[in-house]
Amino acid sequence: MPPSPSRPAFSGLWIPLVTPFADGAVDHAALAALTRALATTGIAGFVVCGSTGEAAALNADEQLACLDTVARHAGGLPLVMGLSGYHLPDTLAWVQQLGALCDAAVPTLCGLLVPAPHYIRPSQEGLRQWFTTLAHHSRLPLIVYDIPYRTGATLARETLLALAAHPRIVAVKDCGGDAAKTLALIADGRLAVLAGEDLQLFATVAQGGAGAIAASAHVRTREFVAVLDAVAHGDLAAARAAWHPLLPWIEAAFCEPNPAPVKAALARQGLMGSALRPPMVPASAACERRLAECMG
């Protein structure tokens, strides 16, 4: 097993960055500006090239270029890189290539966000072996991305608890839709549980979860941070007061497939264009109207 660099605690609010496009190419100027704006809001760090970042529509060179841009403009905040795959040798090669970056090129890279291999639908033992193999060959710690509605593979509670024994598997982005599994992972305590379904953020952290990776927090970011800070200080009344006004925005942010509404909202703020890469399409006129109502 390769040595592991030092890493921060995977807690607090992490922003899974969108990838701006202009004229069909990544708009690095907009990505840099968005990163700088969000870096001052009290967030814990950024996730680059996750599902919100349309990573599946980016080639490897574009993904590395996005990581470089974010690293140069994140003000030293820690970064997590998303990756996915279903061909083990190729995925291992990518894991090792990314791990090498934390030595010098991207020293703030502190983890990898890794979902189950999509489409194949392996058994629980196959899933355990997949994540264990990747973790064993990674220099960077892994956040397991439990998102069965994207991958077609459900990670059972027992599988996640077994993976928690590996020293490189340190957290889970919880989009599993199973409240009992969430509570079992929190109670076990070995994995940092990060809410991945934005509407579950409050419930997750109030019950002892570590934080959230929340796409809707691109907008009203400081208010999301305030919710997590209030919970961390045990002030549930203040946390509820900060949380409830966010609910209409969060629902609007997912009224159509992510990240179209978030990009449309950021475009309304003049931070970037609203373009997406096929097969994703921009937010509809109805979605735009709903966003306008929420954003004022």
Protein backbone atom coordinates (compact mmCIF):
# COMPACT_ATOMS: atom_id res chain seq x y z
CA MET A 1 0.00 0.00 0.00
CA PRO A 2 1.48 3.39 -0.97
CA PRO A 3 2.09 6.04 1.71
CA SER A 4 -0.71 8.49 2.37
CA PRO A 5 -0.27 12.27 2.54
CA SER A 6 -1.76 14.19 5.44
CA ARG A 7 -5.44 14.99 4.99
CA PRO A 8 -8.06 17.19 6.64
CA ALA A 9 -11.13 15.92 8.40
CA PHE A 10 -13.92 15.34 5.91
CA SER A 11 -16.50 17.50 7.63
CA GLY A 12 -18.39 20.72 7.09
CA LEU A 13 -19.78 21.99 3.80
CA TRP A 14 -18.12 20.92 0.54
CA ILE A 15 -19.15 22.41 -2.79
CA PRO A 16 -19.29 19.97 -5.75
CA LEU A 17 -18.34 22.51 -8.38
CA VAL A 18 -20.20 22.88 -11.64
CA THR A 19 -18.07 23.07 -14.80
CA PRO A 20 -18.79 26.23 -16.81
CA PHE A 21 -18.72 25.99 -20.61
CA ALA A 22 -18.40 28.62 -23.31
CA ASP A 23 -18.43 27.89 -27.04
CA GLY A 24 -18.23 24.17 -26.31
CA ALA A 25 -15.06 24.38 -24.19
CA VAL A 26 -14.49 24.60 -20.45
CA ASP A 27 -14.69 28.24 -19.40
CA HIS A 28 -11.69 28.38 -17.09
CA ALA A 29 -12.07 32.09 -16.41
CA ALA A 30 -15.59 31.51 -15.09
CA LEU A 31 -14.48 28.45 -13.11
CA ALA A 32 -11.67 30.46 -11.52
CA ALA A 33 -14.00 33.33 -10.62
CA LEU A 34 -16.63 30.98 -9.17
CA THR A 35 -13.99 29.20 -7.11
CA ARG A 36 -12.63 32.47 -5.73
CA ALA A 37 -16.11 33.69 -4.82
CA LEU A 38 -17.05 30.49 -2.98
CA ALA A 39 -13.70 30.07 -1.23
CA THR A 40 -14.40 33.02 1.08
CA THR A 41 -17.78 31.80 2.36
CA GLY A 42 -16.64 29.48 5.15
CA ILE A 43 -16.89 26.21 3.24
CA ALA A 44 -14.63 23.28 4.08
CA GLY A 45 -13.47 22.54 0.53
CA PHE A 46 -14.36 21.73 -3.07
CA VAL A 47 -15.20 18.59 -5.01
CA VAL A 48 -13.95 18.81 -8.60
CA CYS A 49 -15.36 16.69 -11.43
CA GLY A 50 -18.19 15.09 -9.53
CA SER A 51 -21.57 14.40 -11.10
CA THR A 52 -22.50 18.06 -10.60
CA GLY A 53 -19.36 18.94 -12.58
CA GLU A 54 -20.54 16.85 -15.55
CA ALA A 55 -17.38 14.78 -15.28
CA ALA A 56 -18.78 12.12 -17.59
CA ALA A 57 -18.80 14.73 -20.38
CA LEU A 58 -15.15 15.73 -19.78
CA ASN A 59 -12.13 13.90 -21.12
CA ALA A 60 -9.14 13.20 -18.89
CA ASP A 61 -7.18 16.27 -20.02
CA GLU A 62 -10.18 18.52 -19.37
CA GLN A 63 -10.64 17.02 -15.92
CA LEU A 64 -7.00 17.63 -15.00
CA ALA A 65 -7.23 21.17 -16.33
CA CYS A 66 -10.31 21.81 -14.16
CA LEU A 67 -8.49 20.47 -11.12
CA ASP A 68 -5.54 22.75 -11.85
CA THR A 69 -7.75 25.83 -12.23
CA VAL A 70 -9.62 25.16 -9.01
CA ALA A 71 -6.38 24.46 -7.11
CA ARG A 72 -4.90 27.77 -8.22
CA HIS A 73 -7.93 29.80 -7.12
CA ALA A 74 -9.25 27.95 -4.04
CA GLY A 75 -7.16 29.89 -1.55
CA GLY A 76 -5.54 26.76 -0.18
CA LEU A 77 -8.81 24.98 0.61
CA PRO A 78 -8.66 21.18 0.35
CA LEU A 79 -9.90 19.52 -2.82
CA VAL A 80 -11.52 16.18 -3.57
CA MET A 81 -11.46 14.79 -7.10
CA GLY A 82 -14.35 12.74 -8.43
CA LEU A 83 -13.70 9.65 -10.51
CA SER A 84 -15.69 6.74 -11.83
CA GLY A 85 -15.31 3.73 -14.04
CA TYR A 86 -16.06 0.06 -14.51
CA HIS A 87 -12.82 -1.17 -16.11
CA LEU A 88 -10.58 -1.95 -13.16
CA PRO A 89 -7.11 -1.52 -14.78
CA ASP A 90 -8.10 1.84 -16.30
CA THR A 91 -9.66 3.01 -13.04
CA LEU A 92 -6.60 1.95 -11.06
CA ALA A 93 -4.34 3.83 -13.47
CA TRP A 94 -6.44 6.98 -13.01
CA VAL A 95 -6.40 6.56 -9.21
CA GLN A 96 -2.61 6.32 -9.27
CA GLN A 97 -2.22 9.24 -11.67
CA LEU A 98 -4.34 11.45 -9.43
CA GLY A 99 -2.52 10.27 -6.33
CA ALA A 100 0.79 11.39 -7.77
CA LEU A 101 -0.51 14.96 -8.06
CA CYS A 102 -0.63 15.53 -4.31
CA ASP A 103 3.18 15.48 -4.09
CA ALA A 104 3.74 18.78 -5.90
CA ALA A 105 1.33 19.66 -8.71
CA VAL A 106 -1.82 19.82 -6.53
CA PRO A 107 -0.73 19.57 -2.88
CA THR A 108 -4.22 20.51 -1.69
CA LEU A 109 -5.72 17.39 -3.29
CA CYS A 110 -6.77 15.36 -0.26
CA GLY A 111 -9.20 12.69 -1.42
CA LEU A 112 -11.09 10.89 -4.17
CA LEU A 113 -14.88 10.62 -4.45
CA VAL A 114 -15.60 7.17 -5.89
CA PRO A 115 -18.99 5.62 -6.78
CA ALA A 116 -19.71 1.98 -7.43
CA PRO A 117 -18.94 0.83 -10.99
CA HIS A 118 -22.00 1.81 -13.00
CA TYR A 119 -24.11 -0.38 -15.31
CA ILE A 120 -22.58 -3.70 -14.20
CA ARG A 121 -24.55 -4.12 -10.96
CA PRO A 122 -22.04 -6.36 -9.13
CA SER A 123 -22.73 -8.38 -6.00
CA GLN A 124 -21.93 -7.00 -2.57
CA GLU A 125 -18.71 -9.03 -2.54
CA GLY A 126 -17.82 -7.60 -5.93
CA LEU A 127 -18.42 -4.10 -4.62
CA ARG A 128 -16.33 -4.77 -1.52
CA GLN A 129 -13.45 -6.03 -3.64
CA TRP A 130 -13.74 -3.09 -6.07
CA PHE A 131 -13.46 -0.39 -3.40
CA THR A 132 -10.85 -2.31 -1.41
CA THR A 133 -8.65 -2.73 -4.47
CA LEU A 134 -8.88 0.95 -5.38
CA ALA A 135 -8.19 2.00 -1.80
CA HIS A 136 -5.23 -0.37 -1.49
CA HIS A 137 -3.53 1.20 -4.52
CA SER A 138 -4.44 4.82 -3.77
CA ARG A 139 -2.23 7.36 -2.07
CA LEU A 140 -5.32 9.43 -1.37
CA PRO A 141 -8.16 8.52 0.98
CA LEU A 142 -11.45 7.51 -0.58
CA ILE A 143 -14.93 8.89 -0.03
CA VAL A 144 -17.38 6.20 -1.11
CA TYR A 145 -20.17 7.76 -3.18
CA ASP A 146 -23.31 5.77 -2.38
CA ILE A 147 -25.71 6.79 -5.15
CA PRO A 148 -27.64 3.79 -6.48
CA TYR A 149 -29.95 5.81 -8.75
CA ARG A 150 -26.91 6.80 -10.84
CA THR A 151 -24.89 3.58 -10.69
CA GLY A 152 -27.57 0.88 -10.50
CA ALA A 153 -25.67 -0.67 -7.57
CA THR A 154 -26.85 -0.46 -3.96
CA LEU A 155 -24.18 -0.58 -1.27
CA ALA A 156 -25.61 -2.55 1.64
CA ARG A 157 -25.08 -1.41 5.20
CA GLU A 158 -22.91 -4.45 5.89
CA THR A 159 -20.73 -3.71 2.86
CA LEU A 160 -20.10 -0.11 3.91
CA LEU A 161 -19.30 -1.20 7.45
CA ALA A 162 -16.84 -3.76 6.06
CA LEU A 163 -15.22 -1.08 3.88
CA ALA A 164 -14.85 1.16 6.94
CA ALA A 165 -12.15 -1.21 8.19
CA HIS A 166 -9.81 -0.13 5.38
CA PRO A 167 -7.51 2.71 6.49
CA ARG A 168 -7.88 4.52 3.15
CA ILE A 169 -11.71 4.49 3.13
CA VAL A 170 -12.65 7.34 5.41
CA ALA A 171 -16.03 8.80 4.44
CA VAL A 172 -19.24 8.26 2.53
CA LYS A 173 -21.26 10.68 0.44
CA ASP A 174 -24.70 9.45 1.37
CA CYS A 175 -27.25 9.45 -1.45
CA GLY A 176 -28.44 5.95 -0.62
CA GLY A 177 -31.96 6.91 0.41
CA ASP A 178 -31.91 4.58 3.42
CA ALA A 179 -32.32 6.41 6.73
CA ALA A 180 -31.57 3.29 8.78
CA LYS A 181 -28.29 2.78 6.90
CA THR A 182 -27.35 6.42 7.43
CA LEU A 183 -27.95 6.14 11.16
CA ALA A 184 -26.01 2.88 11.39
CA LEU A 185 -22.99 4.47 9.71
CA ILE A 186 -23.16 7.51 11.98
CA ALA A 187 -23.48 5.29 15.06
CA ASP A 188 -20.55 3.13 13.94
CA GLY A 189 -18.39 6.24 13.78
CA ARG A 190 -15.58 5.02 11.51
CA LEU A 191 -16.77 6.75 8.34
CA ALA A 192 -17.47 10.47 8.13
CA VAL A 193 -21.05 10.61 6.84
CA LEU A 194 -21.58 13.48 4.41
CA ALA A 195 -25.13 14.18 3.25
CA GLY A 196 -25.31 14.01 -0.53
CA GLU A 197 -29.04 14.59 -0.86
CA ASP A 198 -29.33 18.28 -0.09
CA LEU A 199 -32.74 18.06 1.59
CA GLN A 200 -31.25 15.53 4.03
CA LEU A 201 -28.45 17.89 5.13
CA PHE A 202 -30.08 19.06 8.34
CA ALA A 203 -31.26 15.62 9.44
CA THR A 204 -27.87 14.08 8.74
CA VAL A 205 -25.79 16.58 10.69
CA ALA A 206 -28.32 16.92 13.51
CA GLN A 207 -28.03 13.16 14.08
CA GLY A 208 -24.24 13.27 14.13
CA GLY A 209 -23.20 13.27 10.50
CA ALA A 210 -20.00 15.08 9.59
CA GLY A 211 -21.31 17.51 6.97
CA ALA A 212 -22.51 17.65 3.39
CA ILE A 213 -21.51 17.76 -0.26
CA ALA A 214 -24.32 19.96 -1.53
CA ALA A 215 -24.81 21.21 -5.09
CA SER A 216 -27.51 23.69 -4.10
CA ALA A 217 -24.99 25.42 -1.82
CA HIS A 218 -23.45 27.13 -4.85
CA VAL A 219 -26.14 29.71 -4.05
CA ARG A 220 -26.77 31.19 -0.57
CA THR A 221 -23.59 29.45 0.51
CA ARG A 222 -23.08 31.37 3.75
CA GLU A 223 -26.58 30.40 4.86
CA PHE A 224 -25.76 26.71 4.37
CA VAL A 225 -22.54 27.21 6.34
CA ALA A 226 -24.54 28.88 9.11
CA VAL A 227 -26.80 25.82 9.39
CA LEU A 228 -23.85 23.49 9.85
CA ASP A 229 -22.10 25.86 12.25
CA ALA A 230 -25.21 26.17 14.42
CA VAL A 231 -25.60 22.40 14.62
CA ALA A 232 -21.92 22.00 15.45
CA HIS A 233 -22.39 24.42 18.35
CA GLY A 234 -25.49 22.59 19.57
CA ASP A 235 -27.87 25.43 18.77
CA LEU A 236 -30.65 23.56 17.01
CA ALA A 237 -33.07 26.47 17.23
CA ALA A 238 -30.67 28.70 15.30
CA ALA A 239 -29.96 25.87 12.87
CA ARG A 240 -33.67 25.39 12.15
CA ALA A 241 -34.14 29.13 11.72
CA ALA A 242 -31.36 29.17 9.12
CA TRP A 243 -32.46 25.94 7.46
CA HIS A 244 -36.17 26.45 6.83
CA PRO A 245 -35.79 29.47 4.49
CA LEU A 246 -33.41 27.42 2.33
CA LEU A 247 -35.93 24.67 1.58
CA PRO A 248 -37.75 26.33 -1.37
CA TRP A 249 -34.40 27.08 -3.01
CA ILE A 250 -33.15 23.50 -2.53
CA GLU A 251 -36.32 22.08 -4.06
CA ALA A 252 -36.03 24.46 -7.01
CA ALA A 253 -32.37 23.56 -7.49
CA PHE A 254 -33.43 19.98 -8.24
CA CYS A 255 -36.66 20.60 -10.11
CA GLU A 256 -34.84 19.37 -13.24
CA PRO A 257 -31.74 17.17 -13.57
CA ASN A 258 -28.68 18.53 -11.76
CA PRO A 259 -26.77 20.72 -12.59
CA ALA A 260 -29.07 22.54 -15.05
CA PRO A 261 -30.99 24.54 -12.40
CA VAL A 262 -27.82 25.42 -10.46
CA LYS A 263 -26.11 26.61 -13.63
CA ALA A 264 -29.17 28.66 -14.55
CA ALA A 265 -29.14 30.23 -11.09
CA LEU A 266 -25.45 31.07 -11.35
CA ALA A 267 -26.07 32.53 -14.80
CA ARG A 268 -28.80 34.74 -13.31
CA GLN A 269 -26.14 36.04 -10.92
CA GLY A 270 -23.79 36.78 -13.81
CA LEU A 271 -21.17 34.30 -12.63
CA MET A 272 -21.13 32.05 -15.71
CA GLY A 273 -23.14 30.85 -18.67
CA SER A 274 -25.85 28.22 -18.35
CA ALA A 275 -24.56 25.85 -21.06
CA LEU A 276 -24.32 22.11 -20.44
CA ARG A 277 -22.88 19.31 -22.55
CA PRO A 278 -25.16 16.76 -24.24
CA PRO A 279 -27.08 14.76 -23.32
CA MET A 280 -27.74 17.31 -20.58
CA VAL A 281 -29.82 20.31 -21.61
CA PRO A 282 -30.25 23.77 -20.03
CA ALA A 283 -33.04 24.52 -17.58
CA SER A 284 -36.48 24.94 -19.11
CA ALA A 285 -38.43 28.20 -19.08
CA ALA A 286 -40.63 26.79 -16.31
CA CYS A 287 -37.58 25.98 -14.22
CA GLU A 288 -36.15 29.45 -14.87
CA ARG A 289 -39.37 31.00 -13.60
CA ARG A 290 -39.27 28.90 -10.45
CA LEU A 291 -35.66 29.91 -9.86
CA ALA A 292 -36.53 33.57 -10.32
CA GLU A 293 -39.25 33.26 -7.67
CA CYS A 294 -36.82 31.69 -5.19
CA MET A 295 -33.94 34.06 -5.87
CA GLY A 296 -35.95 37.28 -5.97
